[in-house]
Amino acid sequence: MTLSDVTETVRQKIGDNSGLAATLKFDLGSDGVILVDANSVPNRVTNEDQPAECTIALSLEDLASMLNGSLDPTSAFMMGKLQVEGDMSVAMRLSQVV
């Protein structure tokens, strides 16, 4: 999957009102970023690199696997495939949305 494919998948899963009430960034290294701004309705998903309350660093491939259900987020965290910086509660709320 490309960055634009994964961005669109995140946009569809987040929807217009995810209830996250926070900003979250997926830092995909050299592949780019996906920023979720859920502080307003409708929620906004872009590839802008801006500060966020919570940043999740992982590979584009691992994010795609998490979104399609073949990689469990908790397992990915325990295996070191993703790192969380900032407000961990935002990441926990995200797991309920996606």
N, C-alpha and C. Protein backbone atom coordinates (compact mmCIF):
# COMPACT_ATOMS: atom_id res chain seq x y z
N MET A 1 0.84 -1.19 0.00
CA MET A 1 0.00 0.00 0.00
C MET A 1 0.88 1.25 0.00
N THR A 2 0.39 2.27 -0.64
CA THR A 2 1.10 3.54 -0.67
C THR A 2 0.64 4.41 0.50
N LEU A 3 1.36 5.50 0.73
CA LEU A 3 0.98 6.43 1.79
C LEU A 3 -0.44 6.95 1.54
N SER A 4 -0.78 7.28 0.31
CA SER A 4 -2.12 7.81 0.04
C SER A 4 -3.19 6.75 0.27
N ASP A 5 -2.90 5.48 -0.03
CA ASP A 5 -3.86 4.40 0.24
C ASP A 5 -4.11 4.26 1.74
N VAL A 6 -3.03 4.26 2.52
CA VAL A 6 -3.16 4.10 3.97
C VAL A 6 -3.83 5.32 4.58
N THR A 7 -3.51 6.51 4.07
CA THR A 7 -4.15 7.74 4.55
C THR A 7 -5.66 7.66 4.33
N GLU A 8 -6.07 7.20 3.16
CA GLU A 8 -7.49 7.09 2.86
C GLU A 8 -8.17 6.05 3.75
N THR A 9 -7.49 4.95 4.04
CA THR A 9 -8.04 3.93 4.94
C THR A 9 -8.22 4.51 6.34
N VAL A 10 -7.22 5.26 6.82
CA VAL A 10 -7.34 5.91 8.13
C VAL A 10 -8.52 6.88 8.11
N ARG A 11 -8.64 7.67 7.05
CA ARG A 11 -9.73 8.65 6.93
C ARG A 11 -11.09 7.95 7.03
N GLN A 12 -11.23 6.82 6.35
CA GLN A 12 -12.50 6.09 6.37
C GLN A 12 -12.79 5.52 7.76
N LYS A 13 -11.76 4.98 8.42
CA LYS A 13 -11.97 4.39 9.75
C LYS A 13 -12.26 5.46 10.80
N ILE A 14 -11.61 6.61 10.69
CA ILE A 14 -11.82 7.70 11.65
C ILE A 14 -13.21 8.31 11.47
N GLY A 15 -13.61 8.51 10.22
CA GLY A 15 -14.92 9.09 9.95
C GLY A 15 -14.98 10.56 10.29
N ASP A 16 -16.18 11.09 10.36
CA ASP A 16 -16.36 12.52 10.64
C ASP A 16 -16.27 12.86 12.12
N ASN A 17 -16.64 11.90 12.98
CA ASN A 17 -16.64 12.17 14.41
C ASN A 17 -16.22 10.91 15.17
N SER A 18 -14.92 10.74 15.30
CA SER A 18 -14.35 9.55 15.92
C SER A 18 -14.50 9.53 17.43
N GLY A 19 -14.68 10.70 18.03
CA GLY A 19 -14.75 10.78 19.48
C GLY A 19 -13.38 10.82 20.15
N LEU A 20 -12.31 10.86 19.36
CA LEU A 20 -10.96 10.91 19.94
C LEU A 20 -10.70 12.21 20.68
N ALA A 21 -11.21 13.32 20.15
CA ALA A 21 -11.04 14.64 20.77
C ALA A 21 -9.57 14.94 21.06
N ALA A 22 -8.70 14.65 20.09
CA ALA A 22 -7.27 14.88 20.26
C ALA A 22 -6.60 14.88 18.89
N THR A 23 -5.30 15.22 18.89
CA THR A 23 -4.52 15.10 17.66
C THR A 23 -3.56 13.93 17.81
N LEU A 24 -3.41 13.20 16.72
CA LEU A 24 -2.60 12.00 16.71
C LEU A 24 -1.82 11.96 15.40
N LYS A 25 -0.55 11.60 15.51
CA LYS A 25 0.27 11.53 14.31
C LYS A 25 0.89 10.15 14.19
N PHE A 26 0.79 9.57 13.00
CA PHE A 26 1.52 8.35 12.67
C PHE A 26 2.78 8.80 11.96
N ASP A 27 3.93 8.55 12.59
CA ASP A 27 5.22 8.88 11.99
C ASP A 27 5.73 7.62 11.30
N LEU A 28 5.73 7.66 9.97
CA LEU A 28 6.07 6.50 9.17
C LEU A 28 7.49 6.60 8.62
N GLY A 29 8.32 7.35 9.31
CA GLY A 29 9.72 7.49 8.89
C GLY A 29 9.84 8.16 7.54
N SER A 30 10.65 7.58 6.66
CA SER A 30 10.89 8.18 5.34
C SER A 30 9.66 8.12 4.44
N ASP A 31 8.63 7.33 4.83
CA ASP A 31 7.40 7.26 4.02
C ASP A 31 6.48 8.44 4.26
N GLY A 32 6.68 9.19 5.35
CA GLY A 32 5.86 10.37 5.61
C GLY A 32 5.10 10.26 6.92
N VAL A 33 4.06 11.07 7.05
CA VAL A 33 3.24 11.10 8.26
C VAL A 33 1.77 11.12 7.88
N ILE A 34 0.96 10.67 8.83
CA ILE A 34 -0.49 10.80 8.73
C ILE A 34 -0.93 11.49 10.01
N LEU A 35 -1.56 12.65 9.88
CA LEU A 35 -2.01 13.43 11.02
C LEU A 35 -3.53 13.33 11.13
N VAL A 36 -4.01 12.96 12.31
CA VAL A 36 -5.44 12.90 12.58
C VAL A 36 -5.75 14.03 13.55
N ASP A 37 -6.58 14.98 13.11
CA ASP A 37 -7.02 16.07 13.97
C ASP A 37 -8.48 15.82 14.30
N ALA A 38 -8.71 15.28 15.47
CA ALA A 38 -10.07 14.95 15.90
C ALA A 38 -10.57 15.91 16.97
N ASN A 39 -10.00 17.12 16.99
CA ASN A 39 -10.44 18.13 17.95
C ASN A 39 -11.69 18.86 17.49
N SER A 40 -12.02 18.74 16.21
CA SER A 40 -13.22 19.38 15.69
C SER A 40 -13.96 18.39 14.80
N VAL A 41 -15.21 18.68 14.56
CA VAL A 41 -16.04 17.84 13.70
C VAL A 41 -16.34 18.64 12.46
N PRO A 42 -16.08 18.13 11.26
CA PRO A 42 -15.61 16.77 10.99
C PRO A 42 -14.12 16.62 11.31
N ASN A 43 -13.73 15.40 11.68
CA ASN A 43 -12.32 15.09 11.92
C ASN A 43 -11.57 15.26 10.62
N ARG A 44 -10.27 15.57 10.74
CA ARG A 44 -9.45 15.82 9.56
C ARG A 44 -8.26 14.86 9.57
N VAL A 45 -8.00 14.24 8.42
CA VAL A 45 -6.86 13.34 8.25
C VAL A 45 -6.04 13.85 7.07
N THR A 46 -4.77 14.21 7.33
CA THR A 46 -3.91 14.75 6.29
C THR A 46 -2.51 14.14 6.39
N ASN A 47 -1.66 14.55 5.47
CA ASN A 47 -0.26 14.14 5.51
C ASN A 47 0.64 15.29 5.95
N GLU A 48 0.06 16.28 6.64
CA GLU A 48 0.82 17.41 7.15
C GLU A 48 1.62 16.98 8.38
N ASP A 49 2.86 17.41 8.44
CA ASP A 49 3.71 17.09 9.60
C ASP A 49 3.60 18.24 10.59
N GLN A 50 2.70 18.09 11.55
CA GLN A 50 2.47 19.09 12.58
C GLN A 50 2.57 18.43 13.94
N PRO A 51 2.78 19.22 15.00
CA PRO A 51 2.81 18.65 16.35
C PRO A 51 1.47 17.98 16.67
N ALA A 52 1.53 16.94 17.49
CA ALA A 52 0.33 16.21 17.90
C ALA A 52 0.45 15.83 19.37
N GLU A 53 -0.69 15.59 20.00
CA GLU A 53 -0.69 15.20 21.41
C GLU A 53 -0.08 13.81 21.60
N CYS A 54 -0.19 12.98 20.57
CA CYS A 54 0.35 11.62 20.63
C CYS A 54 0.95 11.29 19.26
N THR A 55 2.16 10.75 19.27
CA THR A 55 2.81 10.33 18.03
C THR A 55 3.10 8.84 18.13
N ILE A 56 2.69 8.12 17.10
CA ILE A 56 2.94 6.69 17.02
C ILE A 56 3.90 6.47 15.86
N ALA A 57 5.09 5.97 16.17
CA ALA A 57 6.11 5.71 15.15
C ALA A 57 6.08 4.24 14.79
N LEU A 58 5.93 3.97 13.49
CA LEU A 58 5.93 2.60 12.99
C LEU A 58 6.13 2.65 11.48
N SER A 59 6.29 1.50 10.87
CA SER A 59 6.49 1.47 9.42
C SER A 59 5.13 1.55 8.72
N LEU A 60 5.17 1.99 7.47
CA LEU A 60 3.96 2.07 6.65
C LEU A 60 3.35 0.67 6.53
N GLU A 61 4.18 -0.32 6.33
CA GLU A 61 3.71 -1.70 6.19
C GLU A 61 3.00 -2.19 7.46
N ASP A 62 3.58 -1.89 8.62
CA ASP A 62 2.96 -2.32 9.87
C ASP A 62 1.64 -1.59 10.13
N LEU A 63 1.57 -0.31 9.77
CA LEU A 63 0.31 0.42 9.93
C LEU A 63 -0.76 -0.18 9.02
N ALA A 64 -0.40 -0.47 7.79
CA ALA A 64 -1.35 -1.10 6.86
C ALA A 64 -1.83 -2.44 7.42
N SER A 65 -0.93 -3.21 8.01
CA SER A 65 -1.30 -4.51 8.60
C SER A 65 -2.23 -4.33 9.79
N MET A 66 -1.99 -3.30 10.59
CA MET A 66 -2.87 -3.03 11.72
C MET A 66 -4.26 -2.64 11.24
N LEU A 67 -4.31 -1.83 10.20
CA LEU A 67 -5.60 -1.35 9.69
C LEU A 67 -6.42 -2.47 9.07
N ASN A 68 -5.75 -3.46 8.46
CA ASN A 68 -6.51 -4.55 7.85
C ASN A 68 -6.75 -5.71 8.81
N GLY A 69 -6.28 -5.55 10.07
CA GLY A 69 -6.57 -6.53 11.09
C GLY A 69 -5.59 -7.69 11.21
N SER A 70 -4.53 -7.68 10.40
CA SER A 70 -3.58 -8.80 10.48
C SER A 70 -2.47 -8.58 11.50
N LEU A 71 -2.39 -7.37 12.08
CA LEU A 71 -1.41 -7.09 13.14
C LEU A 71 -2.12 -6.43 14.30
N ASP A 72 -2.07 -7.07 15.46
CA ASP A 72 -2.69 -6.54 16.66
C ASP A 72 -1.84 -5.40 17.22
N PRO A 73 -2.44 -4.23 17.50
CA PRO A 73 -1.66 -3.09 18.01
C PRO A 73 -0.90 -3.39 19.29
N THR A 74 -1.51 -4.12 20.22
CA THR A 74 -0.84 -4.45 21.47
C THR A 74 0.37 -5.34 21.22
N SER A 75 0.21 -6.32 20.35
CA SER A 75 1.33 -7.21 20.00
C SER A 75 2.43 -6.41 19.32
N ALA A 76 2.05 -5.51 18.42
CA ALA A 76 3.04 -4.69 17.72
C ALA A 76 3.84 -3.86 18.72
N PHE A 77 3.16 -3.31 19.72
CA PHE A 77 3.84 -2.52 20.75
C PHE A 77 4.80 -3.39 21.55
N MET A 78 4.34 -4.57 21.95
CA MET A 78 5.17 -5.47 22.75
C MET A 78 6.38 -5.99 21.96
N MET A 79 6.23 -6.13 20.64
CA MET A 79 7.33 -6.60 19.80
C MET A 79 8.27 -5.47 19.38
N GLY A 80 7.94 -4.24 19.78
CA GLY A 80 8.78 -3.10 19.43
C GLY A 80 8.57 -2.59 18.02
N LYS A 81 7.47 -3.00 17.39
CA LYS A 81 7.19 -2.55 16.02
C LYS A 81 6.60 -1.15 15.99
N LEU A 82 6.13 -0.68 17.14
CA LEU A 82 5.63 0.69 17.22
C LEU A 82 6.03 1.30 18.55
N GLN A 83 6.28 2.60 18.51
CA GLN A 83 6.63 3.36 19.71
C GLN A 83 5.62 4.49 19.84
N VAL A 84 5.25 4.78 21.09
CA VAL A 84 4.29 5.84 21.37
C VAL A 84 4.97 6.93 22.16
N GLU A 85 4.83 8.18 21.70
CA GLU A 85 5.33 9.34 22.42
C GLU A 85 4.16 10.26 22.71
N GLY A 86 4.18 10.86 23.88
CA GLY A 86 3.12 11.80 24.24
C GLY A 86 2.04 11.11 25.05
N ASP A 87 0.81 11.54 24.84
CA ASP A 87 -0.34 11.10 25.64
C ASP A 87 -0.77 9.68 25.24
N MET A 88 -0.39 8.71 26.06
CA MET A 88 -0.71 7.30 25.78
C MET A 88 -2.21 7.05 25.75
N SER A 89 -2.99 7.84 26.47
CA SER A 89 -4.44 7.63 26.50
C SER A 89 -5.07 7.87 25.13
N VAL A 90 -4.46 8.75 24.33
CA VAL A 90 -4.95 9.00 22.97
C VAL A 90 -4.77 7.73 22.14
N ALA A 91 -3.61 7.10 22.25
CA ALA A 91 -3.35 5.86 21.53
C ALA A 91 -4.34 4.77 21.95
N MET A 92 -4.64 4.72 23.24
CA MET A 92 -5.58 3.71 23.73
C MET A 92 -6.99 3.96 23.18
N ARG A 93 -7.39 5.23 23.10
CA ARG A 93 -8.71 5.55 22.53
C ARG A 93 -8.75 5.22 21.05
N LEU A 94 -7.63 5.41 20.36
CA LEU A 94 -7.57 5.10 18.94
C LEU A 94 -7.85 3.63 18.69
N SER A 95 -7.34 2.76 19.55
CA SER A 95 -7.55 1.32 19.34
C SER A 95 -9.04 0.96 19.39
N GLN A 96 -9.84 1.75 20.07
CA GLN A 96 -11.28 1.51 20.09
C GLN A 96 -11.96 1.98 18.82
N VAL A 97 -11.32 2.95 18.14
CA VAL A 97 -11.91 3.50 16.91
C VAL A 97 -11.55 2.64 15.71
N VAL A 98 -10.30 2.21 15.63
CA VAL A 98 -9.85 1.43 14.48
C VAL A 98 -9.70 0.01 14.81
